[in-house]
Protein backbone atom coordinates (compact mmCIF):
# COMPACT_ATOMS: atom_id res chain seq x y z
CA MET A 1 0.00 0.00 0.00
CA LYS A 2 2.88 2.38 0.88
CA LEU A 3 4.49 1.59 -2.48
CA PHE A 4 1.22 2.44 -4.23
CA LYS A 5 0.94 5.73 -2.32
CA THR A 6 4.53 6.61 -3.25
CA ALA A 7 3.86 5.93 -6.92
CA VAL A 8 0.73 8.06 -6.78
CA MET A 9 2.67 10.89 -5.12
CA ILE A 10 5.39 10.79 -7.80
CA CYS A 11 2.81 10.88 -10.59
CA GLY A 12 1.03 13.74 -8.87
CA LEU A 13 4.25 15.75 -8.62
CA ALA A 14 4.94 15.05 -12.30
CA ALA A 15 1.48 16.39 -13.11
CA LEU A 16 2.09 19.57 -11.12
CA GLY A 17 5.48 20.02 -12.77
CA ALA A 18 3.96 19.69 -16.22
CA LEU A 19 1.18 22.12 -15.40
CA GLY A 20 3.68 24.64 -14.04
CA ALA A 21 6.12 24.39 -16.96
CA PRO A 22 6.30 27.65 -18.98
CA PRO A 23 5.03 27.45 -22.57
CA ALA A 24 7.53 27.60 -25.41
CA GLU A 25 8.15 31.07 -26.79
CA ALA A 26 6.49 31.86 -30.10
CA ALA A 27 8.69 32.37 -33.12
CA PRO A 28 9.32 36.04 -33.92
CA TRP A 29 7.16 35.97 -37.03
CA ASP A 30 6.95 39.77 -37.12
CA ARG A 31 10.79 40.03 -36.95
CA LYS A 32 10.62 43.12 -34.79
CA THR A 33 13.78 45.19 -35.31
CA VAL A 34 14.90 48.42 -33.65
CA PHE A 35 17.19 50.47 -35.87
CA THR A 36 18.73 53.93 -35.64
CA PHE A 37 19.37 56.05 -38.73
CA SER A 38 22.21 58.55 -38.48
CA GLY A 39 20.73 60.71 -41.22
CA PRO A 40 17.47 61.26 -43.12
CA VAL A 41 16.20 58.28 -45.14
CA GLU A 42 13.69 58.22 -47.98
CA ILE A 43 11.08 55.46 -47.84
CA PRO A 44 8.43 54.30 -50.32
CA GLY A 45 4.69 54.64 -49.68
CA VAL A 46 2.29 54.00 -48.16
CA HIS A 47 3.30 56.50 -45.46
CA LEU A 48 1.67 59.16 -43.32
CA ALA A 49 1.45 62.54 -45.01
CA GLY A 50 4.74 64.35 -44.58
CA TRP A 51 6.69 61.21 -43.65
CA GLY A 52 8.14 60.17 -47.02
CA ILE A 53 11.53 61.04 -45.55
CA LEU A 54 12.29 59.79 -42.05
CA PRO A 55 14.48 62.14 -39.98
CA ALA A 56 17.54 60.73 -38.25
CA GLY A 57 16.44 58.73 -35.22
CA THR A 58 15.36 55.34 -33.90
CA TYR A 59 12.56 53.35 -35.51
CA VAL A 60 10.94 49.92 -35.16
CA PHE A 61 10.42 47.65 -38.18
CA LYS A 62 7.87 44.83 -38.13
CA ILE A 63 6.16 42.53 -40.62
CA LEU A 64 2.41 43.08 -40.61
CA ASP A 65 1.47 40.47 -43.20
CA SER A 66 3.39 37.66 -44.87
CA GLN A 67 2.60 35.96 -48.16
CA SER A 68 4.77 33.44 -49.99
CA ASP A 69 5.94 36.00 -52.56
CA ARG A 70 5.75 39.29 -50.63
CA HIS A 71 5.64 40.89 -47.23
CA ILE A 72 3.98 44.00 -45.83
CA VAL A 73 6.42 45.87 -43.58
CA GLN A 74 5.51 48.61 -41.11
CA ILE A 75 7.74 51.30 -39.62
CA PHE A 76 6.92 52.61 -36.13
CA ASN A 77 8.39 55.26 -33.88
CA LYS A 78 10.72 54.10 -31.10
CA ASP A 79 7.88 53.62 -28.59
CA GLU A 80 5.62 51.88 -31.15
CA THR A 81 2.87 54.42 -30.52
CA GLN A 82 2.80 55.72 -34.10
CA ILE A 83 2.92 53.89 -37.45
CA TYR A 84 4.70 55.99 -40.06
CA ALA A 85 4.59 53.66 -43.07
CA THR A 86 3.16 50.42 -44.45
CA ILE A 87 5.40 49.23 -47.28
CA LEU A 88 5.35 46.45 -49.85
CA ALA A 89 8.51 44.30 -49.86
CA ILE A 90 9.82 41.27 -51.74
CA PRO A 91 12.06 38.55 -50.23
CA ASN A 92 15.53 38.85 -51.78
CA PHE A 93 18.78 36.95 -51.27
CA ARG A 94 22.16 37.96 -49.84
CA LEU A 95 25.27 35.81 -49.93
CA LYS A 96 25.96 35.64 -46.20
CA ALA A 97 23.71 35.95 -43.17
CA THR A 98 24.99 37.96 -40.20
CA ASP A 99 24.09 38.02 -36.52
CA LYS A 100 23.11 41.69 -36.71
CA THR A 101 20.37 43.66 -38.44
CA VAL A 102 21.47 45.06 -41.80
CA MET A 103 19.80 47.93 -43.66
CA THR A 104 20.92 48.68 -47.20
CA PHE A 105 20.43 51.95 -49.07
CA ARG A 106 20.62 53.37 -52.54
CA GLU A 107 23.01 56.28 -52.60
CA ARG A 108 21.63 59.53 -53.98
CA PRO A 109 23.25 62.72 -55.28
CA ALA A 110 24.77 65.04 -52.69
CA GLY A 111 22.14 66.86 -50.67
CA GLN A 112 19.47 64.17 -51.14
CA PRO A 113 18.62 61.53 -48.52
CA GLU A 114 19.59 57.93 -49.17
CA ALA A 115 16.72 55.73 -50.32
CA LEU A 116 15.94 52.66 -48.20
CA ARG A 117 16.58 49.52 -50.23
CA ALA A 118 16.35 46.41 -48.01
CA TRP A 119 16.10 45.15 -44.44
CA PHE A 120 17.82 41.93 -43.36
CA TYR A 121 16.84 40.30 -40.08
CA PRO A 122 19.71 38.73 -38.06
CA GLY A 123 20.58 35.19 -39.12
CA ARG A 124 18.53 35.26 -42.33
CA GLN A 125 19.84 35.15 -45.89
CA TRP A 126 16.58 36.48 -47.29
CA GLY A 127 15.69 40.08 -46.56
CA GLU A 128 12.92 42.49 -47.46
CA GLU A 129 13.63 44.56 -50.59
CA PHE A 130 11.26 47.52 -50.72
CA VAL A 131 9.04 48.37 -53.67
CA TYR A 132 8.70 51.98 -54.85
CA PRO A 133 6.11 53.68 -57.06
CA LYS A 134 7.17 53.67 -60.71
CA ALA A 135 8.14 57.34 -61.05
CA LYS A 136 10.25 57.29 -57.89
CA ALA A 137 11.78 53.92 -58.83
CA LEU A 138 12.92 55.31 -62.20
CA GLU A 139 14.40 58.38 -60.51
CA ILE A 140 16.36 56.20 -58.06
CA ALA A 141 17.43 53.78 -60.82
CA LYS A 142 18.93 56.62 -62.86
CA ALA A 143 20.70 58.08 -59.81
CA THR A 144 22.17 54.74 -58.68
CA ASN A 145 22.57 53.06 -62.08
CA MET A 146 20.82 49.94 -60.74
CA PRO A 147 17.39 48.36 -61.31
CA VAL A 148 14.77 49.26 -58.72
CA LEU A 149 11.60 47.35 -57.82
CA PHE A 150 8.32 49.12 -58.55
CA THR A 151 4.61 48.51 -58.81
CA PRO A 152 2.58 49.96 -61.67
CA ALA A 153 -0.56 49.80 -59.53
CA GLU A 154 -2.13 53.13 -58.60
CA LEU A 155 -1.59 52.95 -54.86
CA PRO A 156 -1.84 55.88 -52.48
CA MET A 157 1.57 57.32 -51.59
CA GLU A 158 0.24 59.03 -48.47
CA VAL A 159 -2.51 58.37 -45.96
CA THR A 160 -3.97 60.61 -43.29
CA GLU A 161 -4.49 57.78 -40.79
CA PRO A 162 -2.01 54.96 -40.00
CA VAL A 163 -2.76 51.46 -41.28
CA LYS A 164 -3.40 49.31 -38.21
CA THR A 165 -4.70 45.93 -39.42
CA ALA A 166 -3.77 43.32 -42.02
CA ASP A 167 -7.28 43.48 -43.51
CA ALA A 168 -7.22 47.25 -44.13
CA PRO A 169 -8.12 48.14 -47.76
CA VAL A 170 -4.65 49.47 -48.57
CA VAL A 171 -3.04 46.23 -47.34
CA VAL A 172 -5.41 44.22 -49.54
CA GLU A 173 -4.25 46.35 -52.50
CA LEU A 174 -0.59 45.82 -51.62
CA ARG A 175 -1.11 42.04 -51.50
CA ARG A 176 -2.38 41.87 -55.08
CA ALA A 177 -0.34 44.68 -56.68
CA PRO A 178 1.85 43.55 -59.62
CA ILE A 179 5.59 44.02 -59.09
CA MET A 180 8.32 44.56 -61.69
CA ALA A 181 11.74 46.22 -61.89
CA ILE A 182 12.85 49.23 -63.88
CA THR A 183 16.36 49.78 -65.25
CA PRO A 184 18.27 53.08 -65.37
CA ALA A 185 17.33 53.28 -69.06
CA GLY A 186 13.64 53.11 -68.18
CA GLU A 187 13.15 49.53 -69.39
CA GLU A 188 10.64 47.48 -67.42
CA VAL A 189 11.89 43.96 -66.67
CA GLN A 190 10.43 40.97 -64.89
CA LEU A 191 11.06 40.54 -61.19
CA ALA A 192 12.95 37.27 -61.69
CA GLN A 193 15.71 39.15 -63.55
CA VAL A 194 16.73 41.16 -60.48
CA VAL A 195 15.46 39.20 -57.46
CA THR A 196 16.45 35.76 -56.14
CA PRO A 197 13.42 34.39 -54.27
CA PRO A 198 13.81 32.03 -51.29
CA PRO A 199 12.87 28.35 -51.55
CA ALA A 200 9.25 27.59 -50.73
CA ALA A 201 10.27 26.01 -47.41
CA GLU A 202 12.04 29.20 -46.29
CA GLU A 203 9.08 31.53 -46.68
CA ALA A 204 5.85 30.08 -45.31
CA PRO A 205 2.84 32.40 -45.07
CA MET A 206 2.41 34.07 -41.71
CA VAL A 207 -0.83 32.15 -41.10
CA ALA A 208 1.12 28.92 -40.92
CA GLN A 209 3.55 30.44 -38.42
CA LEU A 210 0.70 31.43 -36.12
CA GLU A 211 -0.76 27.94 -35.71
CA PRO A 212 -1.21 27.00 -32.03
CA ALA A 213 1.09 23.94 -32.13
CA THR A 214 4.01 25.72 -30.47
CA LEU A 215 4.90 23.22 -27.70
CA PRO A 216 7.98 21.07 -28.39
CA ALA A 217 7.77 17.28 -28.28
CA THR A 218 9.20 17.18 -24.74
CA ALA A 219 6.43 19.48 -23.48
CA SER A 220 3.70 17.39 -25.09
CA GLY A 221 5.20 14.33 -23.34
CA LEU A 222 4.92 16.09 -19.98
CA TRP A 223 1.24 16.64 -20.58
CA MET A 224 0.77 12.90 -21.16
CA TRP A 225 2.45 12.09 -17.83
CA ALA A 226 0.37 14.79 -16.17
CA LEU A 227 -2.80 13.07 -17.33
CA ILE A 228 -1.54 9.66 -16.11
CA GLY A 229 -0.64 11.18 -12.73
CA PHE A 230 -4.05 12.78 -12.37
CA VAL A 231 -5.85 9.53 -13.16
CA ALA A 232 -3.64 7.63 -10.69
CA LEU A 233 -4.27 10.20 -7.97
CA LEU A 234 -8.02 10.03 -8.53
CA GLY A 235 -7.90 6.23 -8.38
CA ALA A 236 -6.01 6.31 -5.09
CA MET A 237 -8.62 8.58 -3.53
CA LEU A 238 -11.39 6.15 -4.54
CA ILE A 239 -9.55 2.99 -3.48
CA GLN A 240 -8.11 4.12 -0.14
CA PRO A 241 -11.36 3.93 1.97
CA LYS A 242 -11.99 0.36 0.78
CA ALA A 243 -8.41 -0.67 1.61
CA LYS A 244 -8.84 0.58 5.22
CA ALA A 245 -12.04 -1.42 5.60
CA VAL A 246 -10.30 -4.66 4.60
CA ARG A 247 -7.63 -4.21 7.29
């Protein structure tokens, strides 16, 4: 009987340990990044009126929405109390991943702010290359002598209110907007000629990353032992009065 009670106690403690174990941390699907610009930086739309050029300072970058072939990136102030821009971006490849955030720019003539080109999250070879409106893309392509991504869709460059949800009308437009590249000579070329997309396994839609199955196999095993311990404890409570009567 003592052996049975000991076994029940051990199972019960295992159950309590499993119930008290902290859940696994969710993957950083939004890839939140804090970055400080030392000078003014030009960004594509869609941005708040008057915020097409970000002054020097600290900003927060996050992914709002993720599709297999494109991402919607938002730029916040340092405290994340204001959204300055909601921008269309395409996954693009770099040769070597680093353990730090990398922002790349397109140099402009003297006196003009650098244009934001891409954002690379630490440890990833695929970053977010930003898409500009056609007229601005051609201007930057001529100044840098490099192709620039653009969308021919008639999207708003400025908004009076920040975009706060992934189902906002402007985000829906960004999801379905066609994307191409424009050369310094003004020639429109297909995206595949200037962008190296990630393999399908590298870029799953955000919906898949938000599925509730976040516990590792070891945690799910603890829950099984917790259930066994609970059943054993309940059985002991029911059996014990009968055992006393027999003695």
